[in-house]
N, C-alpha and C. Protein backbone atom coordinates (compact mmCIF):
# COMPACT_ATOMS: atom_id res chain seq x y z
N MET A 1 -7.43 -6.88 -103.22
CA MET A 1 -7.01 -5.29 -102.52
C MET A 1 -8.09 -4.54 -102.82
N ALA A 2 -8.82 -4.38 -103.77
CA ALA A 2 -9.50 -2.96 -104.57
C ALA A 2 -10.83 -3.59 -103.90
N LEU A 3 -11.03 -4.78 -103.67
CA LEU A 3 -12.34 -4.75 -102.95
C LEU A 3 -12.54 -4.24 -101.89
N PRO A 4 -11.90 -4.63 -101.04
CA PRO A 4 -12.05 -4.18 -99.45
C PRO A 4 -12.22 -2.30 -99.72
N ALA A 5 -11.16 -2.14 -100.36
CA ALA A 5 -11.12 -0.40 -100.55
C ALA A 5 -12.37 -0.06 -100.87
N PHE A 6 -12.98 -0.36 -101.91
CA PHE A 6 -14.62 0.01 -102.30
C PHE A 6 -15.47 -0.52 -101.36
N LEU A 7 -15.37 -1.69 -100.52
CA LEU A 7 -16.30 -1.72 -99.72
C LEU A 7 -16.19 -0.73 -98.62
N ASP A 8 -15.00 -0.29 -98.10
CA ASP A 8 -15.05 0.77 -97.12
C ASP A 8 -15.37 2.15 -97.52
N ALA A 9 -15.05 2.29 -98.77
CA ALA A 9 -15.74 3.68 -99.38
C ALA A 9 -17.13 3.76 -99.42
N ALA A 10 -17.82 2.03 -99.98
CA ALA A 10 -19.30 2.33 -99.92
C ALA A 10 -19.70 2.63 -98.39
N LYS A 11 -19.29 1.54 -97.18
CA LYS A 11 -19.56 2.30 -96.16
C LYS A 11 -19.72 3.09 -95.41
N ASN A 12 -18.38 3.90 -96.13
CA ASN A 12 -18.34 5.40 -95.29
C ASN A 12 -19.59 6.06 -96.40
N TRP A 13 -19.95 5.88 -97.42
CA TRP A 13 -20.79 6.88 -98.11
C TRP A 13 -22.28 6.44 -97.96
N ALA A 14 -22.31 5.29 -97.32
CA ALA A 14 -23.79 4.80 -96.85
C ALA A 14 -23.86 5.38 -95.04
N GLN A 15 -22.83 5.69 -94.60
CA GLN A 15 -23.03 6.29 -93.01
C GLN A 15 -23.08 7.80 -93.45
N ARG A 16 -22.57 8.12 -94.29
CA ARG A 16 -22.49 9.80 -94.54
C ARG A 16 -24.34 10.39 -95.08
N ILE A 17 -24.52 9.25 -95.67
CA ILE A 17 -26.10 9.50 -95.89
C ILE A 17 -26.96 9.38 -94.92
N LYS A 18 -26.60 8.48 -94.09
CA LYS A 18 -27.64 8.07 -93.28
C LYS A 18 -27.55 9.25 -91.89
N ARG A 19 -26.72 9.88 -91.57
CA ARG A 19 -26.24 10.91 -90.84
C ARG A 19 -26.72 12.28 -91.74
N ASP A 20 -26.46 12.23 -92.67
CA ASP A 20 -27.13 13.52 -93.60
C ASP A 20 -28.79 13.39 -93.57
N VAL A 21 -29.31 12.19 -93.75
CA VAL A 21 -31.04 12.17 -93.59
C VAL A 21 -31.36 12.76 -92.42
N VAL A 22 -30.56 11.91 -91.36
CA VAL A 22 -30.85 12.85 -89.83
C VAL A 22 -31.03 13.90 -89.86
N ALA A 23 -29.60 14.49 -90.22
CA ALA A 23 -29.42 16.01 -90.20
C ALA A 23 -30.30 17.07 -91.05
N VAL A 24 -30.51 16.63 -92.04
CA VAL A 24 -31.98 17.29 -92.81
C VAL A 24 -33.19 17.37 -91.97
N TYR A 25 -33.15 16.05 -91.34
CA TYR A 25 -34.65 16.47 -90.51
C TYR A 25 -34.62 17.03 -89.38
N PHE A 26 -33.10 17.22 -88.76
CA PHE A 26 -33.21 18.09 -87.67
C PHE A 26 -33.28 19.82 -88.47
N ALA A 27 -32.50 19.90 -89.56
CA ALA A 27 -32.58 21.11 -90.26
C ALA A 27 -33.86 21.77 -90.38
N ALA A 28 -34.76 20.49 -90.84
CA ALA A 28 -36.17 21.13 -91.30
C ALA A 28 -37.12 21.53 -90.07
N ARG A 29 -36.44 21.29 -88.64
CA ARG A 29 -37.31 21.59 -87.71
C ARG A 29 -36.65 22.64 -86.77
N ASP A 30 -35.44 23.68 -87.58
CA ASP A 30 -34.76 24.64 -87.07
C ASP A 30 -35.71 25.94 -87.73
N PRO A 31 -35.66 26.61 -86.61
CA PRO A 31 -36.62 28.03 -87.33
C PRO A 31 -35.74 28.79 -88.13
N GLU A 32 -34.53 28.59 -88.04
CA GLU A 32 -33.53 29.38 -88.89
C GLU A 32 -33.56 29.00 -90.39
N THR A 33 -34.12 27.81 -90.62
CA THR A 33 -34.39 27.54 -92.15
C THR A 33 -34.91 28.15 -92.98
N PRO A 34 -34.85 28.33 -94.06
CA PRO A 34 -36.18 29.33 -94.58
C PRO A 34 -37.24 28.14 -95.20
N LEU A 35 -38.48 28.68 -95.22
CA LEU A 35 -39.73 28.11 -95.36
C LEU A 35 -39.64 27.05 -96.49
N ALA A 36 -39.02 27.39 -97.78
CA ALA A 36 -39.17 26.61 -98.92
C ALA A 36 -37.93 25.66 -98.61
N VAL A 37 -37.28 25.64 -97.90
CA VAL A 37 -36.02 24.68 -97.64
C VAL A 37 -36.71 23.66 -96.83
N ARG A 38 -37.16 24.13 -95.43
CA ARG A 38 -37.91 23.23 -94.71
C ARG A 38 -38.97 22.43 -95.43
N ILE A 39 -39.90 22.54 -96.14
CA ILE A 39 -40.64 21.79 -97.01
C ILE A 39 -39.98 20.81 -97.55
N LEU A 40 -38.63 21.33 -98.40
CA LEU A 40 -38.13 20.20 -99.28
C LEU A 40 -37.45 19.29 -98.31
N ALA A 41 -36.76 19.92 -97.34
CA ALA A 41 -35.96 19.05 -96.70
C ALA A 41 -36.81 18.11 -95.66
N LEU A 42 -38.14 18.41 -95.31
CA LEU A 42 -39.07 17.32 -94.75
C LEU A 42 -39.61 16.27 -95.71
N ALA A 43 -39.63 16.82 -96.86
CA ALA A 43 -39.92 15.68 -98.07
C ALA A 43 -39.11 14.72 -98.36
N VAL A 44 -37.78 15.24 -98.38
CA VAL A 44 -36.44 14.49 -98.54
C VAL A 44 -36.46 13.38 -97.30
N ALA A 45 -36.47 13.90 -96.24
CA ALA A 45 -36.33 13.17 -94.80
C ALA A 45 -37.44 12.23 -94.61
N ALA A 46 -38.83 12.48 -94.95
CA ALA A 46 -39.53 11.70 -95.16
C ALA A 46 -39.41 10.52 -95.91
N TYR A 47 -39.01 10.83 -97.13
CA TYR A 47 -39.18 9.73 -98.04
C TYR A 47 -38.00 8.91 -98.08
N ALA A 48 -36.94 9.16 -97.71
CA ALA A 48 -35.52 8.55 -97.03
C ALA A 48 -36.02 7.40 -95.98
N LEU A 49 -36.80 8.11 -95.33
CA LEU A 49 -37.00 7.27 -93.73
C LEU A 49 -38.16 6.30 -94.03
N SER A 50 -39.07 6.52 -94.78
CA SER A 50 -40.41 6.03 -95.10
C SER A 50 -40.05 4.36 -95.94
N PRO A 51 -40.61 3.38 -95.44
CA PRO A 51 -41.13 2.24 -95.77
C PRO A 51 -41.40 1.97 -97.35
N ILE A 52 -42.01 2.82 -97.90
CA ILE A 52 -42.72 2.76 -99.08
C ILE A 52 -41.72 3.70 -100.10
N ASP A 53 -41.45 2.88 -101.10
CA ASP A 53 -40.51 3.70 -102.18
C ASP A 53 -41.74 4.05 -103.46
N LEU A 54 -40.85 5.19 -103.95
CA LEU A 54 -41.51 5.29 -105.48
C LEU A 54 -41.45 4.05 -106.19
N ILE A 55 -40.13 3.42 -106.22
CA ILE A 55 -40.12 2.10 -106.87
C ILE A 55 -40.14 1.05 -106.13
N PRO A 56 -40.98 -0.10 -106.02
CA PRO A 56 -40.48 -1.05 -105.01
C PRO A 56 -39.28 -1.84 -105.10
N ASP A 57 -38.75 -1.94 -104.12
CA ASP A 57 -37.44 -2.82 -104.35
C ASP A 57 -37.56 -4.30 -104.70
N PHE A 58 -38.51 -4.79 -104.83
CA PHE A 58 -38.74 -6.07 -105.57
C PHE A 58 -38.73 -5.97 -107.16
N ILE A 59 -38.47 -4.71 -107.93
CA ILE A 59 -38.54 -4.81 -109.22
C ILE A 59 -36.91 -4.87 -109.44
N PRO A 60 -36.52 -5.75 -110.07
CA PRO A 60 -35.11 -5.54 -110.24
C PRO A 60 -34.46 -4.55 -111.06
N VAL A 61 -33.29 -4.32 -110.58
CA VAL A 61 -32.35 -3.44 -110.90
C VAL A 61 -33.27 -1.83 -110.38
N LEU A 62 -34.34 -1.33 -111.03
CA LEU A 62 -35.15 -0.13 -111.07
C LEU A 62 -35.53 -0.08 -109.48
N GLY A 63 -36.05 -1.23 -108.90
CA GLY A 63 -36.21 -1.06 -107.49
C GLY A 63 -35.26 -0.38 -106.44
N TYR A 64 -33.86 -0.58 -106.62
CA TYR A 64 -32.64 0.38 -105.66
C TYR A 64 -32.58 1.67 -106.23
N LEU A 65 -33.30 1.91 -107.77
CA LEU A 65 -32.65 3.21 -108.12
C LEU A 65 -32.84 4.21 -107.18
N ASP A 66 -34.32 4.38 -106.75
CA ASP A 66 -34.72 5.67 -106.20
C ASP A 66 -33.26 5.58 -104.66
N ASP A 67 -32.85 4.32 -104.04
CA ASP A 67 -32.15 4.84 -102.72
C ASP A 67 -30.92 5.20 -103.61
N LEU A 68 -30.66 4.65 -104.44
CA LEU A 68 -28.97 4.97 -104.95
C LEU A 68 -29.01 6.48 -105.63
N LEU A 69 -30.09 6.92 -106.12
CA LEU A 69 -30.20 8.23 -106.80
C LEU A 69 -30.74 9.04 -106.43
N ILE A 70 -32.40 8.78 -105.99
CA ILE A 70 -33.42 10.02 -105.61
C ILE A 70 -33.15 10.53 -104.21
N VAL A 71 -32.89 9.47 -103.18
CA VAL A 71 -32.33 9.96 -101.98
C VAL A 71 -31.27 11.01 -101.64
N PRO A 72 -29.91 10.50 -102.37
CA PRO A 72 -28.84 11.27 -102.45
C PRO A 72 -28.87 12.83 -102.97
N LEU A 73 -29.61 12.67 -104.73
CA LEU A 73 -29.85 13.95 -105.03
C LEU A 73 -30.59 14.69 -104.43
N GLY A 74 -32.13 14.44 -103.63
CA GLY A 74 -32.56 15.25 -102.71
C GLY A 74 -31.95 16.17 -101.58
N LEU A 75 -31.23 15.15 -101.05
CA LEU A 75 -29.92 15.35 -99.84
C LEU A 75 -28.80 16.31 -100.37
N PHE A 76 -28.36 16.38 -101.78
CA PHE A 76 -27.58 17.30 -102.12
C PHE A 76 -28.17 18.47 -102.16
N VAL A 77 -29.36 18.45 -102.75
CA VAL A 77 -30.11 19.73 -102.85
C VAL A 77 -30.47 20.34 -101.82
N VAL A 78 -30.82 19.83 -100.66
CA VAL A 78 -31.36 20.49 -99.40
C VAL A 78 -30.03 21.01 -98.74
N ILE A 79 -28.98 20.13 -98.86
CA ILE A 79 -27.72 20.73 -98.09
C ILE A 79 -27.20 21.96 -98.81
N ARG A 80 -27.45 21.76 -99.99
CA ARG A 80 -26.81 23.30 -100.82
C ARG A 80 -27.74 24.37 -100.46
N LEU A 81 -28.92 24.27 -100.25
CA LEU A 81 -29.91 25.21 -99.74
C LEU A 81 -29.99 25.79 -98.43
N LEU A 82 -28.97 24.95 -97.68
CA LEU A 82 -29.32 25.15 -96.23
C LEU A 82 -28.43 26.07 -95.69
N PRO A 83 -28.74 27.24 -94.77
CA PRO A 83 -27.53 27.90 -94.35
C PRO A 83 -26.47 27.03 -93.40
N PRO A 84 -25.08 27.57 -93.71
CA PRO A 84 -24.17 26.78 -93.28
C PRO A 84 -24.02 26.14 -91.98
N HIS A 85 -24.28 27.10 -90.92
CA HIS A 85 -24.51 27.00 -89.60
C HIS A 85 -25.43 26.30 -89.22
N VAL A 86 -26.62 26.42 -89.91
CA VAL A 86 -27.89 25.09 -89.54
C VAL A 86 -27.24 23.74 -89.98
N LEU A 87 -26.53 23.80 -90.96
CA LEU A 87 -26.15 22.40 -91.41
C LEU A 87 -25.00 21.72 -90.49
N SER A 88 -24.16 22.75 -90.25
CA SER A 88 -23.08 22.12 -89.30
C SER A 88 -24.08 21.51 -87.53
N SER A 89 -24.82 22.55 -87.44
CA SER A 89 -25.58 22.52 -85.87
C SER A 89 -26.09 21.04 -86.45
N SER A 90 -27.08 20.90 -87.46
CA SER A 90 -27.80 19.56 -87.68
C SER A 90 -27.26 18.25 -87.76
N ARG A 91 -25.93 18.37 -88.08
CA ARG A 91 -24.97 17.37 -88.65
C ARG A 91 -24.35 17.00 -87.02
N GLU A 92 -24.18 17.96 -85.88
CA GLU A 92 -23.65 17.50 -84.93
C GLU A 92 -24.60 16.82 -84.06
N LYS A 93 -26.14 17.51 -84.20
CA LYS A 93 -27.11 16.48 -83.54
C LYS A 93 -27.34 15.34 -84.02
N ALA A 94 -27.34 15.38 -85.68
CA ALA A 94 -27.47 13.79 -85.94
C ALA A 94 -26.32 12.87 -85.65
N ALA A 95 -25.02 12.95 -85.55
CA ALA A 95 -23.89 12.34 -85.35
C ALA A 95 -24.46 11.88 -83.52
N ALA A 96 -24.58 12.94 -83.01
CA ALA A 96 -24.87 12.54 -81.56
C ALA A 96 -25.88 11.47 -81.38
N VAL A 97 -27.01 11.59 -81.89
CA VAL A 97 -28.43 10.74 -81.99
C VAL A 97 -27.71 9.07 -82.64
N LEU A 98 -27.12 9.45 -83.62
CA LEU A 98 -26.36 8.12 -84.33
C LEU A 98 -25.34 7.25 -83.47
N GLU A 99 -24.68 7.87 -82.24
CA GLU A 99 -23.91 7.41 -81.65
C GLU A 99 -24.60 6.75 -80.45
N ARG A 100 -25.82 7.01 -80.16
CA ARG A 100 -26.18 6.49 -78.90
C ARG A 100 -26.35 5.08 -78.70
N PRO A 101 -26.21 4.28 -78.08
CA PRO A 101 -26.47 3.21 -78.24
C PRO A 101 -27.78 2.20 -78.06
N ARG A 102 -28.00 1.21 -79.12
CA ARG A 102 -29.31 0.70 -78.82
C ARG A 102 -29.64 -0.58 -78.48
N SER A 103 -30.76 -0.64 -77.72
CA SER A 103 -31.06 -1.63 -77.01
C SER A 103 -31.45 -2.57 -77.64
N LYS A 104 -30.80 -3.92 -77.85
CA LYS A 104 -31.48 -5.09 -78.45
C LYS A 104 -32.46 -5.75 -77.54
N THR A 105 -32.44 -5.28 -76.25
CA THR A 105 -33.50 -5.88 -75.20
C THR A 105 -34.90 -5.48 -75.69
N ALA A 106 -34.77 -3.90 -75.53
CA ALA A 106 -35.76 -3.39 -75.84
C ALA A 106 -36.49 -3.64 -77.46
N ALA A 107 -35.31 -3.83 -78.29
CA ALA A 107 -36.10 -4.35 -79.88
C ALA A 107 -36.60 -5.71 -79.35
N VAL A 108 -36.31 -6.40 -78.66
CA VAL A 108 -36.76 -7.94 -78.41
C VAL A 108 -38.31 -7.58 -77.98
N VAL A 109 -38.42 -6.98 -77.01
CA VAL A 109 -39.47 -6.78 -76.16
C VAL A 109 -40.55 -6.00 -77.27
N ILE A 110 -40.26 -5.52 -77.98
CA ILE A 110 -41.24 -4.60 -79.00
C ILE A 110 -41.68 -5.56 -79.84
N VAL A 111 -40.86 -6.38 -80.69
CA VAL A 111 -41.24 -7.55 -81.28
C VAL A 111 -42.21 -8.82 -80.73
N CYS A 112 -41.93 -8.85 -79.66
CA CYS A 112 -42.82 -9.94 -78.82
C CYS A 112 -44.05 -9.24 -78.82
N ILE A 113 -43.91 -7.79 -78.24
CA ILE A 113 -45.35 -6.99 -78.04
C ILE A 113 -46.24 -7.31 -79.38
N TRP A 114 -45.72 -7.16 -80.69
CA TRP A 114 -46.22 -7.17 -81.72
C TRP A 114 -46.90 -8.60 -82.11
N LEU A 115 -45.86 -9.41 -81.71
CA LEU A 115 -46.64 -10.75 -81.68
C LEU A 115 -47.46 -11.29 -81.01
N LEU A 116 -47.47 -10.92 -79.95
CA LEU A 116 -48.76 -11.16 -79.01
C LEU A 116 -49.86 -10.52 -79.58
N CYS A 117 -50.05 -9.12 -80.25
CA CYS A 117 -51.07 -8.61 -80.37
C CYS A 117 -51.48 -9.36 -81.75
N ALA A 118 -50.71 -9.65 -82.60
CA ALA A 118 -50.88 -10.32 -83.80
C ALA A 118 -51.50 -11.83 -83.59
N ALA A 119 -51.10 -12.56 -82.47
CA ALA A 119 -51.58 -13.69 -82.04
C ALA A 119 -53.18 -13.27 -81.24
N ALA A 120 -53.33 -12.16 -80.58
CA ALA A 120 -54.52 -11.74 -79.83
C ALA A 120 -55.69 -11.62 -80.89
N PHE A 121 -55.14 -10.77 -82.14
CA PHE A 121 -56.34 -10.39 -83.15
C PHE A 121 -56.53 -11.66 -83.86
N ALA A 122 -55.61 -12.76 -84.57
CA ALA A 122 -55.67 -13.79 -84.83
C ALA A 122 -56.93 -14.68 -84.01
N TYR A 123 -56.51 -14.86 -82.85
CA TYR A 123 -57.46 -15.83 -82.11
C TYR A 123 -58.99 -15.07 -82.06
N TRP A 124 -58.96 -13.79 -82.27
CA TRP A 124 -59.95 -13.18 -82.05
C TRP A 124 -61.03 -13.41 -83.46
N LEU A 125 -59.99 -13.11 -84.61
CA LEU A 125 -61.03 -13.33 -86.08
C LEU A 125 -61.07 -14.94 -85.76
N LEU A 126 -60.69 -16.01 -85.29
CA LEU A 126 -61.03 -17.24 -85.68
C LEU A 126 -61.78 -17.97 -84.53
N ARG A 127 -61.95 -17.10 -83.56
CA ARG A 127 -63.06 -17.85 -82.46
C ARG A 127 -64.28 -17.49 -82.94
């Protein structure tokens, strides 16, 4: 019984982190956000959304340390520094963006285009 409750709590925490990363991005673009907070917000959002990590994920234990500590800590600092009305409007925008349906067909088409480009490049190299 304790494991499903823990998994639900972890899932909710991950969803809040995801929403807050997008909200911080929107807050960084808001003109009412102070410049220093804007720069920090952009840095946190860029790091959170970047596929490149400070510590690569293939390093055991330490690889996920940045995902579990650095990103939430950065979000915590930015959220504390944001004006409350900017944070609430940014969270509303983020929730709206994350609720939009995603097209699996579009994802398949994009992957196929990338595969065709890779095949054409390989053909060009081998020719």
